[in-house]
C-alpha cells in the first residue's frame, strides 16, 4: 500500500488549492477592488449587473455559473463556481484578512471540490494570475 500523500488532496472535498498575497490596501479598499467591475472581471469573468448578496446566482459570458453562499462585506465571499464543461461545481472562498502591518490586507483565494490534480494546477495558476491582476489594478 502506498502511503504517500498527494499534494492538495483531502479526504472529504477532493483536491483543493489556496493562493494568498498581501497588498497595501485596507480591507475596505481591497473589497472595493475585488467587487469593482474591473476587479470582478479578473476573478469571476464578464458579467452584466451583479449584486453581491447571499443567494445571488450568476452566469458569466465565459460560461462560469454559480451562487453566492456567504457575503460578508470587507471580509469574505463564498460561492459555488463551475465553468462550462466541469462535471461538478467547486467551492470558492475569497477572504480579506487584516495583515500584521497597518493598512495592509491579505487576499486569499481558496478553492475546493476540484476533481483532479491537473485541475488543481490549472486553478492554482488562475488564482495566482488573478491576484497579480488585482495588484496591478491597485497600483493604478
N, C-alpha and C. Protein backbone atom coordinates (compact mmCIF):
# COMPACT_ATOMS: atom_id res chain seq x y z
N UNK A 1 0.84 -1.20 0.00
CA UNK A 1 0.00 0.00 0.00
C UNK A 1 0.88 1.25 0.00
N UNK A 2 0.57 2.18 -0.87
CA UNK A 2 1.32 3.42 -0.98
C UNK A 2 0.75 4.44 -0.01
N UNK A 3 1.58 4.87 0.94
CA UNK A 3 1.08 5.81 1.95
C UNK A 3 1.48 7.25 1.65
N UNK A 4 2.04 7.51 0.47
CA UNK A 4 2.41 8.88 0.11
C UNK A 4 1.16 9.74 0.00
N UNK A 5 1.25 10.92 0.58
CA UNK A 5 0.13 11.87 0.50
C UNK A 5 0.21 12.61 -0.83
N UNK A 6 -0.91 12.76 -1.49
CA UNK A 6 -0.97 13.50 -2.74
C UNK A 6 -1.23 14.97 -2.40
N UNK A 7 -0.38 15.84 -2.92
CA UNK A 7 -0.50 17.28 -2.63
C UNK A 7 -1.86 17.80 -3.06
N UNK A 8 -2.53 18.49 -2.11
CA UNK A 8 -3.81 19.11 -2.42
C UNK A 8 -5.02 18.22 -2.33
N UNK A 9 -4.82 16.92 -2.06
CA UNK A 9 -5.97 16.00 -2.00
C UNK A 9 -6.43 15.89 -0.55
N UNK A 10 -7.72 16.11 -0.33
CA UNK A 10 -8.29 16.00 1.01
C UNK A 10 -9.15 14.74 1.08
N UNK A 11 -9.45 14.33 2.30
CA UNK A 11 -10.29 13.15 2.48
C UNK A 11 -11.74 13.41 2.10
N UNK A 12 -12.19 14.68 2.29
CA UNK A 12 -13.62 14.93 2.13
C UNK A 12 -14.02 15.85 0.97
N UNK A 13 -13.11 16.70 0.47
CA UNK A 13 -13.54 17.67 -0.53
C UNK A 13 -12.71 17.62 -1.81
N UNK A 14 -12.17 16.46 -2.13
CA UNK A 14 -11.39 16.33 -3.36
C UNK A 14 -10.12 17.14 -3.29
N UNK A 15 -9.68 17.65 -4.42
CA UNK A 15 -8.48 18.47 -4.46
C UNK A 15 -8.83 19.90 -4.07
N UNK A 16 -7.86 20.57 -3.44
CA UNK A 16 -8.06 21.96 -3.06
C UNK A 16 -6.80 22.75 -3.37
N UNK A 17 -6.96 24.06 -3.44
CA UNK A 17 -5.83 24.94 -3.69
C UNK A 17 -6.05 26.25 -2.93
N UNK A 18 -4.97 26.81 -2.44
CA UNK A 18 -5.04 28.10 -1.78
C UNK A 18 -3.93 29.00 -2.29
N UNK A 19 -4.27 30.23 -2.58
CA UNK A 19 -3.30 31.22 -3.03
C UNK A 19 -3.59 32.50 -2.25
N UNK A 20 -2.54 33.11 -1.71
CA UNK A 20 -2.75 34.36 -0.97
C UNK A 20 -1.60 35.32 -1.18
N UNK A 21 -1.92 36.60 -1.05
CA UNK A 21 -0.91 37.64 -1.21
C UNK A 21 -1.33 38.84 -0.39
N UNK A 22 -0.37 39.52 0.20
CA UNK A 22 -0.64 40.72 0.99
C UNK A 22 -0.48 41.95 0.10
N UNK A 23 -1.46 42.84 0.20
CA UNK A 23 -1.48 44.06 -0.61
C UNK A 23 -1.50 45.29 0.31
N UNK A 24 -1.03 46.40 -0.21
CA UNK A 24 -1.01 47.66 0.56
C UNK A 24 -2.34 48.38 0.41
N UNK A 25 -3.38 47.75 0.86
CA UNK A 25 -4.72 48.32 0.85
C UNK A 25 -5.42 47.95 2.15
N UNK A 26 -6.31 48.82 2.62
CA UNK A 26 -7.14 48.47 3.77
C UNK A 26 -8.12 47.38 3.33
N UNK A 27 -8.75 46.71 4.27
CA UNK A 27 -9.75 45.69 3.90
C UNK A 27 -10.88 46.31 3.08
N UNK A 28 -11.30 47.51 3.44
CA UNK A 28 -12.37 48.18 2.71
C UNK A 28 -11.98 48.47 1.27
N UNK A 29 -10.76 48.96 1.07
CA UNK A 29 -10.28 49.25 -0.29
C UNK A 29 -10.08 47.95 -1.08
N UNK A 30 -9.61 46.91 -0.42
CA UNK A 30 -9.44 45.61 -1.09
C UNK A 30 -10.80 45.07 -1.52
N UNK A 31 -11.82 45.24 -0.69
CA UNK A 31 -13.18 44.81 -1.03
C UNK A 31 -13.69 45.59 -2.24
N UNK A 32 -13.49 46.92 -2.21
CA UNK A 32 -13.91 47.76 -3.34
C UNK A 32 -13.26 47.28 -4.63
N UNK A 33 -11.97 46.96 -4.56
CA UNK A 33 -11.24 46.49 -5.73
C UNK A 33 -11.80 45.15 -6.22
N UNK A 34 -11.98 44.22 -5.30
CA UNK A 34 -12.47 42.88 -5.63
C UNK A 34 -13.86 42.91 -6.26
N UNK A 35 -14.71 43.79 -5.77
CA UNK A 35 -16.10 43.82 -6.23
C UNK A 35 -16.35 44.86 -7.32
N UNK A 36 -15.33 45.65 -7.66
CA UNK A 36 -15.48 46.62 -8.75
C UNK A 36 -15.63 45.86 -10.08
N UNK A 37 -16.11 46.54 -11.09
CA UNK A 37 -16.31 45.89 -12.38
C UNK A 37 -14.99 45.31 -12.91
N UNK A 38 -13.90 46.07 -12.84
CA UNK A 38 -12.61 45.60 -13.34
C UNK A 38 -12.06 44.45 -12.49
N UNK A 39 -12.19 44.57 -11.17
CA UNK A 39 -11.72 43.52 -10.27
C UNK A 39 -12.51 42.24 -10.44
N UNK A 40 -13.82 42.39 -10.49
CA UNK A 40 -14.73 41.24 -10.65
C UNK A 40 -14.44 40.50 -11.95
N UNK A 41 -14.16 41.26 -13.01
CA UNK A 41 -13.89 40.64 -14.31
C UNK A 41 -12.67 39.72 -14.24
N UNK A 42 -11.69 40.10 -13.42
CA UNK A 42 -10.47 39.28 -13.28
C UNK A 42 -10.76 37.90 -12.70
N UNK A 43 -11.53 37.85 -11.61
CA UNK A 43 -11.71 36.57 -10.92
C UNK A 43 -13.00 35.85 -11.29
N UNK A 44 -14.03 36.59 -11.67
CA UNK A 44 -15.31 35.95 -11.95
C UNK A 44 -15.56 35.82 -13.44
N UNK A 45 -15.19 36.85 -14.18
CA UNK A 45 -15.44 36.85 -15.61
C UNK A 45 -16.35 38.00 -15.98
N UNK A 46 -16.71 38.06 -17.23
CA UNK A 46 -17.56 39.14 -17.74
C UNK A 46 -19.01 38.84 -17.38
N UNK A 47 -19.61 39.78 -16.68
CA UNK A 47 -21.00 39.59 -16.24
C UNK A 47 -21.68 40.96 -16.21
N UNK A 48 -22.94 40.97 -16.57
CA UNK A 48 -23.69 42.24 -16.59
C UNK A 48 -23.89 42.71 -15.15
N UNK A 49 -25.06 43.16 -14.83
CA UNK A 49 -25.33 43.62 -13.48
C UNK A 49 -25.21 42.47 -12.50
N UNK A 50 -24.55 42.74 -11.41
CA UNK A 50 -24.33 41.69 -10.41
C UNK A 50 -24.37 42.32 -9.03
N UNK A 51 -25.13 41.72 -8.15
CA UNK A 51 -25.26 42.21 -6.79
C UNK A 51 -24.61 41.22 -5.85
N UNK A 52 -23.74 41.72 -4.97
CA UNK A 52 -23.08 40.83 -4.02
C UNK A 52 -24.00 40.62 -2.82
N UNK A 53 -24.95 39.68 -3.01
CA UNK A 53 -25.90 39.32 -1.96
C UNK A 53 -26.02 37.82 -1.89
N UNK A 54 -26.16 37.30 -0.68
CA UNK A 54 -26.31 35.86 -0.47
C UNK A 54 -27.48 35.35 -1.32
N UNK A 55 -27.26 34.24 -2.03
CA UNK A 55 -28.30 33.64 -2.84
C UNK A 55 -28.29 34.10 -4.30
N UNK A 56 -27.48 35.14 -4.60
CA UNK A 56 -27.40 35.67 -5.97
C UNK A 56 -26.75 34.63 -6.88
N UNK A 57 -27.46 34.26 -7.94
CA UNK A 57 -26.92 33.32 -8.92
C UNK A 57 -26.30 34.12 -10.06
N UNK A 58 -25.33 33.52 -10.74
CA UNK A 58 -24.67 34.21 -11.83
C UNK A 58 -24.31 33.26 -12.96
N UNK A 59 -24.17 33.82 -14.13
CA UNK A 59 -23.65 33.12 -15.30
C UNK A 59 -22.85 34.14 -16.09
N UNK A 60 -21.55 33.90 -16.23
CA UNK A 60 -20.70 34.86 -16.92
C UNK A 60 -20.71 34.59 -18.42
N UNK A 61 -20.22 35.57 -19.17
CA UNK A 61 -20.09 35.46 -20.61
C UNK A 61 -19.23 34.25 -20.99
N UNK A 62 -18.25 33.92 -20.11
CA UNK A 62 -17.34 32.79 -20.33
C UNK A 62 -17.97 31.44 -19.99
N UNK A 63 -19.20 31.46 -19.43
CA UNK A 63 -19.89 30.22 -19.12
C UNK A 63 -19.66 29.70 -17.70
N UNK A 64 -19.16 30.56 -16.82
CA UNK A 64 -18.99 30.17 -15.42
C UNK A 64 -20.29 30.47 -14.69
N UNK A 65 -20.80 29.45 -13.98
CA UNK A 65 -22.05 29.62 -13.23
C UNK A 65 -21.79 29.38 -11.75
N UNK A 66 -22.70 29.89 -10.93
CA UNK A 66 -22.58 29.66 -9.50
C UNK A 66 -23.59 30.47 -8.72
N UNK A 67 -23.47 30.34 -7.40
CA UNK A 67 -24.36 31.04 -6.48
C UNK A 67 -23.53 31.54 -5.30
N UNK A 68 -23.77 32.78 -4.89
CA UNK A 68 -23.11 33.31 -3.70
C UNK A 68 -23.75 32.67 -2.46
N UNK A 69 -22.92 32.08 -1.62
CA UNK A 69 -23.40 31.41 -0.40
C UNK A 69 -23.17 32.26 0.85
N UNK A 70 -22.05 32.99 0.88
CA UNK A 70 -21.72 33.86 2.01
C UNK A 70 -21.20 35.18 1.45
N UNK A 71 -21.75 36.28 1.96
CA UNK A 71 -21.27 37.61 1.59
C UNK A 71 -21.09 38.41 2.87
N UNK A 72 -19.83 38.66 3.23
CA UNK A 72 -19.51 39.49 4.39
C UNK A 72 -18.65 40.63 3.87
N UNK A 73 -19.26 41.80 3.61
CA UNK A 73 -18.51 42.92 3.05
C UNK A 73 -17.21 43.19 3.81
N UNK A 74 -16.16 43.49 3.06
CA UNK A 74 -14.82 43.76 3.57
C UNK A 74 -14.11 42.53 4.13
N UNK A 75 -14.77 41.35 4.11
CA UNK A 75 -14.17 40.17 4.73
C UNK A 75 -14.17 38.91 3.87
N UNK A 76 -15.32 38.51 3.35
CA UNK A 76 -15.41 37.18 2.77
C UNK A 76 -16.51 37.03 1.72
N UNK A 77 -16.18 36.23 0.69
CA UNK A 77 -17.16 35.74 -0.27
C UNK A 77 -16.98 34.22 -0.34
N UNK A 78 -18.07 33.51 -0.35
CA UNK A 78 -18.03 32.05 -0.55
C UNK A 78 -19.10 31.74 -1.58
N UNK A 79 -18.72 30.98 -2.61
CA UNK A 79 -19.66 30.73 -3.69
C UNK A 79 -19.36 29.40 -4.37
N UNK A 80 -20.39 28.89 -5.05
CA UNK A 80 -20.14 27.76 -5.93
C UNK A 80 -19.60 28.34 -7.22
N UNK A 81 -18.73 27.60 -7.89
CA UNK A 81 -18.02 28.11 -9.07
C UNK A 81 -17.84 26.95 -10.04
N UNK A 82 -18.52 27.04 -11.18
CA UNK A 82 -18.49 25.93 -12.13
C UNK A 82 -18.38 26.43 -13.57
N UNK A 83 -17.16 26.33 -14.15
CA UNK A 83 -17.02 26.67 -15.56
C UNK A 83 -17.76 25.64 -16.43
N UNK A 84 -18.13 26.06 -17.62
CA UNK A 84 -18.76 25.13 -18.58
C UNK A 84 -17.82 23.95 -18.79
N UNK A 85 -18.39 22.76 -18.82
CA UNK A 85 -17.59 21.56 -19.06
C UNK A 85 -17.11 20.86 -17.79
N UNK A 86 -17.22 21.52 -16.64
CA UNK A 86 -16.82 20.85 -15.40
C UNK A 86 -17.95 19.92 -14.97
N UNK A 87 -17.61 18.70 -14.50
CA UNK A 87 -18.66 17.77 -14.10
C UNK A 87 -19.43 18.21 -12.86
N UNK A 88 -18.76 18.95 -11.96
CA UNK A 88 -19.41 19.41 -10.72
C UNK A 88 -18.91 20.80 -10.37
N UNK A 89 -19.70 21.48 -9.56
CA UNK A 89 -19.29 22.81 -9.07
C UNK A 89 -18.22 22.65 -7.99
N UNK A 90 -17.31 23.60 -7.95
CA UNK A 90 -16.34 23.67 -6.86
C UNK A 90 -16.84 24.73 -5.88
N UNK A 91 -16.15 24.83 -4.76
CA UNK A 91 -16.45 25.88 -3.79
C UNK A 91 -15.27 26.83 -3.78
N UNK A 92 -15.56 28.11 -3.98
CA UNK A 92 -14.53 29.14 -3.98
C UNK A 92 -14.78 30.06 -2.80
N UNK A 93 -13.73 30.30 -2.03
CA UNK A 93 -13.83 31.24 -0.92
C UNK A 93 -12.75 32.30 -1.10
N UNK A 94 -13.16 33.54 -1.03
CA UNK A 94 -12.23 34.66 -1.11
C UNK A 94 -12.32 35.39 0.22
N UNK A 95 -11.17 35.50 0.88
CA UNK A 95 -11.16 36.18 2.18
C UNK A 95 -10.20 37.35 2.14
N UNK A 96 -10.56 38.40 2.84
CA UNK A 96 -9.73 39.58 3.01
C UNK A 96 -9.35 39.63 4.49
N UNK A 97 -8.09 39.34 4.77
CA UNK A 97 -7.63 39.19 6.15
C UNK A 97 -6.74 40.37 6.54
N UNK A 98 -6.92 40.91 7.75
CA UNK A 98 -6.05 42.01 8.16
C UNK A 98 -4.61 41.48 8.27
N UNK A 99 -3.67 42.21 7.70
CA UNK A 99 -2.26 41.81 7.76
C UNK A 99 -1.63 42.40 9.02
N UNK A 100 -0.44 41.93 9.35
CA UNK A 100 0.26 42.40 10.55
C UNK A 100 0.54 43.90 10.49
N UNK A 101 0.87 44.39 9.29
CA UNK A 101 1.16 45.82 9.14
C UNK A 101 -0.13 46.60 8.92
N UNK A 102 -0.28 47.74 9.57
CA UNK A 102 -1.47 48.57 9.35
C UNK A 102 -1.60 48.98 7.89
N UNK A 103 -2.86 49.05 7.40
CA UNK A 103 -3.10 49.47 6.03
C UNK A 103 -2.82 48.40 5.00
N UNK A 104 -2.57 47.17 5.45
CA UNK A 104 -2.33 46.07 4.51
C UNK A 104 -3.36 44.97 4.75
N UNK A 105 -3.67 44.26 3.67
CA UNK A 105 -4.68 43.18 3.72
C UNK A 105 -4.14 41.99 2.94
N UNK A 106 -4.40 40.80 3.46
CA UNK A 106 -4.04 39.59 2.74
C UNK A 106 -5.28 39.11 1.98
N UNK A 107 -5.14 39.01 0.65
CA UNK A 107 -6.22 38.49 -0.19
C UNK A 107 -5.97 37.00 -0.35
N UNK A 108 -6.96 36.20 -0.01
CA UNK A 108 -6.82 34.75 -0.05
C UNK A 108 -7.90 34.13 -0.92
N UNK A 109 -7.47 33.33 -1.90
CA UNK A 109 -8.39 32.53 -2.71
C UNK A 109 -8.22 31.08 -2.29
N UNK A 110 -9.30 30.43 -1.91
CA UNK A 110 -9.24 29.02 -1.54
C UNK A 110 -10.35 28.30 -2.31
N UNK A 111 -9.97 27.26 -3.02
CA UNK A 111 -10.95 26.53 -3.82
C UNK A 111 -10.87 25.05 -3.48
N UNK A 112 -12.03 24.44 -3.29
CA UNK A 112 -12.07 23.00 -3.00
C UNK A 112 -13.11 22.33 -3.87
N UNK A 113 -13.15 21.02 -3.78
CA UNK A 113 -14.03 20.18 -4.61
C UNK A 113 -13.57 20.19 -6.06
N UNK A 114 -12.25 20.23 -6.25
CA UNK A 114 -11.68 20.11 -7.59
C UNK A 114 -11.51 18.61 -7.87
N UNK A 115 -11.80 18.20 -9.11
CA UNK A 115 -11.87 16.77 -9.39
C UNK A 115 -10.54 16.08 -9.68
N UNK A 116 -9.52 16.80 -10.13
CA UNK A 116 -8.27 16.14 -10.49
C UNK A 116 -7.06 17.01 -10.13
N UNK A 117 -5.88 16.39 -10.09
CA UNK A 117 -4.64 17.12 -9.86
C UNK A 117 -4.38 18.14 -10.97
N UNK A 118 -4.54 17.78 -12.26
CA UNK A 118 -4.36 18.80 -13.32
C UNK A 118 -5.30 19.99 -13.15
N UNK A 119 -6.53 19.74 -12.72
CA UNK A 119 -7.48 20.84 -12.48
C UNK A 119 -6.97 21.72 -11.34
N UNK A 120 -6.42 21.09 -10.30
CA UNK A 120 -5.86 21.85 -9.18
C UNK A 120 -4.73 22.76 -9.68
N UNK A 121 -3.86 22.24 -10.50
CA UNK A 121 -2.74 23.03 -11.04
C UNK A 121 -3.25 24.18 -11.91
N UNK A 122 -4.28 23.89 -12.71
CA UNK A 122 -4.89 24.91 -13.57
C UNK A 122 -5.45 26.06 -12.72
N UNK A 123 -6.14 25.71 -11.63
CA UNK A 123 -6.76 26.72 -10.79
C UNK A 123 -5.71 27.48 -9.97
N UNK A 124 -4.64 26.81 -9.58
CA UNK A 124 -3.55 27.49 -8.87
C UNK A 124 -2.98 28.60 -9.77
N UNK A 125 -2.74 28.28 -11.03
CA UNK A 125 -2.22 29.27 -11.98
C UNK A 125 -3.23 30.40 -12.17
N UNK A 126 -4.52 30.05 -12.25
CA UNK A 126 -5.55 31.08 -12.44
C UNK A 126 -5.57 32.06 -11.27
N UNK A 127 -5.62 31.55 -10.04
CA UNK A 127 -5.76 32.44 -8.88
C UNK A 127 -4.49 33.25 -8.67
N UNK A 128 -3.31 32.69 -9.01
CA UNK A 128 -2.08 33.49 -8.94
C UNK A 128 -2.14 34.64 -9.95
N UNK A 129 -2.63 34.36 -11.15
CA UNK A 129 -2.77 35.40 -12.18
C UNK A 129 -3.80 36.46 -11.75
N UNK A 130 -4.89 36.02 -11.12
CA UNK A 130 -5.92 36.95 -10.65
C UNK A 130 -5.34 37.89 -9.59
N UNK A 131 -4.62 37.33 -8.64
CA UNK A 131 -4.03 38.18 -7.59
C UNK A 131 -3.03 39.16 -8.20
N UNK A 132 -2.23 38.70 -9.15
CA UNK A 132 -1.30 39.62 -9.82
C UNK A 132 -2.06 40.73 -10.54
N UNK A 133 -3.17 40.38 -11.17
CA UNK A 133 -4.01 41.37 -11.85
C UNK A 133 -4.61 42.37 -10.88
N UNK A 134 -5.06 41.88 -9.72
CA UNK A 134 -5.61 42.76 -8.69
C UNK A 134 -4.54 43.71 -8.17
N UNK A 135 -3.31 43.20 -8.00
CA UNK A 135 -2.20 44.05 -7.55
C UNK A 135 -1.93 45.16 -8.57
N UNK A 136 -1.98 44.81 -9.84
CA UNK A 136 -1.78 45.82 -10.90
C UNK A 136 -2.87 46.87 -10.86
N UNK A 137 -4.13 46.43 -10.69
CA UNK A 137 -5.24 47.39 -10.62
C UNK A 137 -5.10 48.30 -9.40
N UNK A 138 -4.64 47.74 -8.30
CA UNK A 138 -4.50 48.52 -7.06
C UNK A 138 -3.46 49.63 -7.21
N UNK A 139 -2.51 49.44 -8.10
CA UNK A 139 -1.44 50.43 -8.27
C UNK A 139 -1.81 51.53 -9.27
N UNK A 140 -2.97 51.40 -9.91
CA UNK A 140 -3.38 52.41 -10.89
C UNK A 140 -4.08 53.58 -10.22
